[in-house]
Amino acid sequence: MSQAKSTGKRRLLIVVAEGAVDLNGAPIHAEAVRAAIEANVKIETRTTVLGHTQRGGTASFYDRCLVSRKPRAGTHLAAVLRQGCARPSHH
């Protein structure tokens, strides 16, 4: 994240799966990830619970585009992690 920030990237997508746990089996919560990023990397961070965005109001064009990208990014990350790579490539 620091490298991305230093190269001028303004947006990063981090996916925290519902039911995610750390190496000790403790639950990982999106709010804790957000706080850690802001404290350590000094990047303004927001969290969105996908279920919350799915339940409210009429989706705009931007909402539909954003939601269509989340599964692709998550699938890519899962594939990279499954291969044992330390860091996913940037697409």
N, C-alpha and C. Protein backbone atom coordinates (compact mmCIF):
# COMPACT_ATOMS: atom_id res chain seq x y z
N MET A 1 0.82 -1.18 0.00
CA MET A 1 0.00 0.00 0.00
C MET A 1 0.87 1.25 0.00
N SER A 2 1.93 1.24 0.78
CA SER A 2 2.82 2.40 0.80
C SER A 2 3.44 2.62 -0.56
N GLN A 3 3.83 1.54 -1.24
CA GLN A 3 4.41 1.65 -2.57
C GLN A 3 3.38 2.22 -3.55
N ALA A 4 2.16 1.73 -3.48
CA ALA A 4 1.11 2.24 -4.36
C ALA A 4 0.88 3.73 -4.10
N LYS A 5 0.87 4.11 -2.84
CA LYS A 5 0.66 5.52 -2.48
C LYS A 5 1.80 6.38 -3.02
N SER A 6 3.05 5.90 -2.90
CA SER A 6 4.19 6.68 -3.37
C SER A 6 4.23 6.82 -4.88
N THR A 7 3.59 5.90 -5.60
CA THR A 7 3.56 5.99 -7.06
C THR A 7 2.34 6.75 -7.57
N GLY A 8 1.55 7.28 -6.65
CA GLY A 8 0.42 8.11 -7.05
C GLY A 8 -0.92 7.41 -7.15
N LYS A 9 -0.97 6.13 -6.86
CA LYS A 9 -2.27 5.45 -6.90
C LYS A 9 -3.18 6.09 -5.85
N ARG A 10 -4.39 6.36 -6.23
CA ARG A 10 -5.32 7.03 -5.33
C ARG A 10 -6.36 6.07 -4.74
N ARG A 11 -6.50 4.89 -5.34
CA ARG A 11 -7.53 3.97 -4.87
C ARG A 11 -6.98 2.55 -4.83
N LEU A 12 -7.28 1.86 -3.77
CA LEU A 12 -6.95 0.45 -3.63
C LEU A 12 -8.20 -0.26 -3.14
N LEU A 13 -8.37 -1.49 -3.55
CA LEU A 13 -9.51 -2.29 -3.10
C LEU A 13 -8.97 -3.43 -2.26
N ILE A 14 -9.44 -3.50 -1.03
CA ILE A 14 -9.07 -4.58 -0.14
C ILE A 14 -10.35 -5.31 0.24
N VAL A 15 -10.36 -6.60 0.04
CA VAL A 15 -11.55 -7.40 0.30
C VAL A 15 -11.33 -8.20 1.58
N VAL A 16 -12.26 -8.06 2.52
CA VAL A 16 -12.25 -8.86 3.73
C VAL A 16 -13.50 -9.72 3.69
N ALA A 17 -13.31 -11.01 3.54
CA ALA A 17 -14.45 -11.93 3.43
C ALA A 17 -15.17 -12.06 4.76
N GLU A 18 -16.47 -12.20 4.68
CA GLU A 18 -17.26 -12.47 5.87
C GLU A 18 -16.77 -13.79 6.47
N GLY A 19 -16.48 -13.80 7.75
CA GLY A 19 -15.98 -15.00 8.41
C GLY A 19 -14.47 -15.18 8.31
N ALA A 20 -13.74 -14.16 7.81
CA ALA A 20 -12.28 -14.25 7.71
C ALA A 20 -11.67 -14.33 9.10
N VAL A 21 -10.60 -15.11 9.21
CA VAL A 21 -9.87 -15.24 10.48
C VAL A 21 -8.38 -15.06 10.23
N ASP A 22 -7.65 -14.63 11.27
CA ASP A 22 -6.20 -14.49 11.15
C ASP A 22 -5.53 -15.84 11.41
N LEU A 23 -4.22 -15.86 11.45
CA LEU A 23 -3.48 -17.11 11.62
C LEU A 23 -3.76 -17.79 12.96
N ASN A 24 -4.23 -17.04 13.93
CA ASN A 24 -4.56 -17.60 15.24
C ASN A 24 -6.02 -17.99 15.37
N GLY A 25 -6.78 -17.80 14.30
CA GLY A 25 -8.20 -18.15 14.31
C GLY A 25 -9.11 -17.05 14.83
N ALA A 26 -8.54 -15.87 15.12
CA ALA A 26 -9.35 -14.74 15.60
C ALA A 26 -10.04 -14.08 14.41
N PRO A 27 -11.29 -13.64 14.59
CA PRO A 27 -12.01 -13.00 13.49
C PRO A 27 -11.32 -11.72 13.01
N ILE A 28 -11.37 -11.50 11.71
CA ILE A 28 -10.86 -10.27 11.11
C ILE A 28 -12.08 -9.44 10.71
N HIS A 29 -12.14 -8.22 11.20
CA HIS A 29 -13.27 -7.33 10.89
C HIS A 29 -12.80 -6.18 10.01
N ALA A 30 -13.63 -5.79 9.08
CA ALA A 30 -13.28 -4.72 8.14
C ALA A 30 -12.90 -3.43 8.87
N GLU A 31 -13.58 -3.12 9.95
CA GLU A 31 -13.29 -1.89 10.70
C GLU A 31 -11.89 -1.93 11.29
N ALA A 32 -11.43 -3.09 11.75
CA ALA A 32 -10.07 -3.22 12.29
C ALA A 32 -9.04 -3.06 11.18
N VAL A 33 -9.33 -3.59 9.99
CA VAL A 33 -8.43 -3.44 8.85
C VAL A 33 -8.35 -1.97 8.47
N ARG A 34 -9.49 -1.29 8.44
CA ARG A 34 -9.52 0.14 8.12
C ARG A 34 -8.67 0.93 9.10
N ALA A 35 -8.84 0.69 10.38
CA ALA A 35 -8.09 1.43 11.40
C ALA A 35 -6.59 1.17 11.29
N ALA A 36 -6.21 -0.06 11.02
CA ALA A 36 -4.79 -0.40 10.89
C ALA A 36 -4.17 0.31 9.68
N ILE A 37 -4.90 0.36 8.58
CA ILE A 37 -4.39 1.03 7.38
C ILE A 37 -4.20 2.52 7.65
N GLU A 38 -5.20 3.14 8.25
CA GLU A 38 -5.10 4.57 8.52
C GLU A 38 -3.97 4.86 9.49
N ALA A 39 -3.78 4.02 10.51
CA ALA A 39 -2.75 4.25 11.51
C ALA A 39 -1.35 4.01 10.97
N ASN A 40 -1.19 2.97 10.16
CA ASN A 40 0.15 2.57 9.72
C ASN A 40 0.58 3.11 8.37
N VAL A 41 -0.36 3.27 7.45
CA VAL A 41 -0.01 3.70 6.10
C VAL A 41 -0.40 5.15 5.86
N LYS A 42 -1.24 5.69 6.73
CA LYS A 42 -1.69 7.08 6.64
C LYS A 42 -2.45 7.36 5.35
N ILE A 43 -3.35 6.43 5.01
CA ILE A 43 -4.22 6.60 3.85
C ILE A 43 -5.65 6.66 4.36
N GLU A 44 -6.40 7.68 3.89
CA GLU A 44 -7.81 7.74 4.26
C GLU A 44 -8.49 6.48 3.74
N THR A 45 -9.23 5.82 4.61
CA THR A 45 -9.81 4.53 4.28
C THR A 45 -11.28 4.50 4.63
N ARG A 46 -12.06 3.86 3.78
CA ARG A 46 -13.49 3.70 4.02
C ARG A 46 -13.84 2.23 3.92
N THR A 47 -14.86 1.83 4.65
CA THR A 47 -15.33 0.46 4.55
C THR A 47 -16.75 0.45 4.00
N THR A 48 -17.05 -0.60 3.27
CA THR A 48 -18.39 -0.81 2.74
C THR A 48 -18.72 -2.28 2.93
N VAL A 49 -19.87 -2.53 3.51
CA VAL A 49 -20.34 -3.90 3.62
C VAL A 49 -21.23 -4.14 2.42
N LEU A 50 -20.81 -5.08 1.57
CA LEU A 50 -21.50 -5.29 0.31
C LEU A 50 -23.00 -5.52 0.51
N GLY A 51 -23.37 -6.29 1.52
CA GLY A 51 -24.78 -6.55 1.78
C GLY A 51 -25.56 -5.27 2.05
N HIS A 52 -24.92 -4.29 2.69
CA HIS A 52 -25.60 -3.03 2.97
C HIS A 52 -25.86 -2.26 1.69
N THR A 53 -24.91 -2.28 0.76
CA THR A 53 -25.11 -1.54 -0.48
C THR A 53 -26.14 -2.24 -1.36
N GLN A 54 -26.28 -3.53 -1.22
CA GLN A 54 -27.24 -4.27 -2.03
C GLN A 54 -28.67 -4.02 -1.57
N ARG A 55 -28.87 -3.65 -0.34
CA ARG A 55 -30.22 -3.54 0.20
C ARG A 55 -30.83 -2.14 0.11
N GLY A 56 -30.04 -1.14 -0.24
CA GLY A 56 -30.59 0.21 -0.13
C GLY A 56 -30.78 0.93 -1.44
N GLY A 57 -31.96 1.39 -1.70
CA GLY A 57 -32.26 2.30 -2.80
C GLY A 57 -31.95 1.79 -4.20
N THR A 58 -32.09 2.69 -5.15
CA THR A 58 -31.84 2.39 -6.55
C THR A 58 -30.36 2.60 -6.83
N ALA A 59 -29.74 1.64 -7.45
CA ALA A 59 -28.32 1.73 -7.76
C ALA A 59 -28.07 2.68 -8.92
N SER A 60 -27.03 3.50 -8.79
CA SER A 60 -26.62 4.38 -9.89
C SER A 60 -25.72 3.60 -10.84
N PHE A 61 -25.38 4.21 -11.97
CA PHE A 61 -24.47 3.58 -12.91
C PHE A 61 -23.14 3.29 -12.24
N TYR A 62 -22.63 4.25 -11.46
CA TYR A 62 -21.36 4.07 -10.75
C TYR A 62 -21.45 2.88 -9.79
N ASP A 63 -22.55 2.77 -9.04
CA ASP A 63 -22.74 1.65 -8.12
C ASP A 63 -22.65 0.32 -8.86
N ARG A 64 -23.30 0.24 -9.98
CA ARG A 64 -23.30 -1.02 -10.75
C ARG A 64 -21.90 -1.36 -11.26
N CYS A 65 -21.16 -0.35 -11.71
CA CYS A 65 -19.79 -0.59 -12.17
C CYS A 65 -18.90 -1.04 -11.02
N LEU A 66 -19.02 -0.38 -9.89
CA LEU A 66 -18.20 -0.74 -8.73
C LEU A 66 -18.49 -2.15 -8.27
N VAL A 67 -19.75 -2.50 -8.16
CA VAL A 67 -20.12 -3.83 -7.70
C VAL A 67 -19.67 -4.90 -8.69
N SER A 68 -19.67 -4.59 -9.98
CA SER A 68 -19.24 -5.59 -10.96
C SER A 68 -17.73 -5.85 -10.87
N ARG A 69 -16.97 -4.92 -10.31
CA ARG A 69 -15.53 -5.09 -10.19
C ARG A 69 -15.14 -5.87 -8.93
N LYS A 70 -15.93 -5.78 -7.88
CA LYS A 70 -15.57 -6.43 -6.61
C LYS A 70 -15.37 -7.93 -6.73
N PRO A 71 -16.30 -8.66 -7.34
CA PRO A 71 -16.07 -10.11 -7.44
C PRO A 71 -14.83 -10.46 -8.26
N ARG A 72 -14.56 -9.70 -9.31
CA ARG A 72 -13.38 -9.96 -10.13
C ARG A 72 -12.12 -9.76 -9.31
N ALA A 73 -12.05 -8.67 -8.56
CA ALA A 73 -10.87 -8.40 -7.75
C ALA A 73 -10.71 -9.46 -6.66
N GLY A 74 -11.80 -9.84 -6.04
CA GLY A 74 -11.74 -10.87 -5.01
C GLY A 74 -11.32 -12.22 -5.56
N THR A 75 -11.84 -12.56 -6.72
CA THR A 75 -11.48 -13.83 -7.36
C THR A 75 -10.01 -13.83 -7.74
N HIS A 76 -9.52 -12.74 -8.27
CA HIS A 76 -8.11 -12.62 -8.63
C HIS A 76 -7.23 -12.78 -7.39
N LEU A 77 -7.58 -12.09 -6.32
CA LEU A 77 -6.81 -12.18 -5.08
C LEU A 77 -6.80 -13.60 -4.54
N ALA A 78 -7.93 -14.25 -4.54
CA ALA A 78 -8.00 -15.63 -4.05
C ALA A 78 -7.12 -16.55 -4.88
N ALA A 79 -7.11 -16.37 -6.20
CA ALA A 79 -6.28 -17.20 -7.07
C ALA A 79 -4.80 -16.96 -6.80
N VAL A 80 -4.41 -15.72 -6.62
CA VAL A 80 -3.02 -15.38 -6.33
C VAL A 80 -2.59 -15.99 -5.00
N LEU A 81 -3.43 -15.84 -3.99
CA LEU A 81 -3.09 -16.37 -2.68
C LEU A 81 -3.03 -17.90 -2.70
N ARG A 82 -3.89 -18.52 -3.47
CA ARG A 82 -3.90 -19.98 -3.58
C ARG A 82 -2.59 -20.48 -4.18
N GLN A 83 -2.01 -19.69 -5.07
CA GLN A 83 -0.74 -20.07 -5.70
C GLN A 83 0.44 -19.86 -4.78
N GLY A 84 0.21 -19.22 -3.63
CA GLY A 84 1.28 -19.00 -2.67
C GLY A 84 2.13 -17.78 -2.93
N CYS A 85 1.66 -16.87 -3.74
CA CYS A 85 2.42 -15.65 -4.02
C CYS A 85 2.33 -14.73 -2.80
N ALA A 86 3.43 -14.05 -2.52
CA ALA A 86 3.45 -13.15 -1.37
C ALA A 86 2.65 -11.89 -1.62
N ARG A 87 2.63 -11.45 -2.87
CA ARG A 87 1.96 -10.19 -3.17
C ARG A 87 1.26 -10.31 -4.51
N PRO A 88 -0.02 -9.97 -4.62
CA PRO A 88 -0.71 -10.05 -5.91
C PRO A 88 -0.19 -8.99 -6.87
N SER A 89 -0.25 -9.31 -8.16
CA SER A 89 0.10 -8.33 -9.16
C SER A 89 -0.99 -7.29 -9.25
N HIS A 90 -0.66 -6.12 -9.75
CA HIS A 90 -1.63 -5.03 -9.85
C HIS A 90 -2.28 -5.06 -11.22
N HIS A 91 -3.60 -5.18 -11.26
CA HIS A 91 -4.34 -5.17 -12.53
C HIS A 91 -5.29 -4.04 -12.54
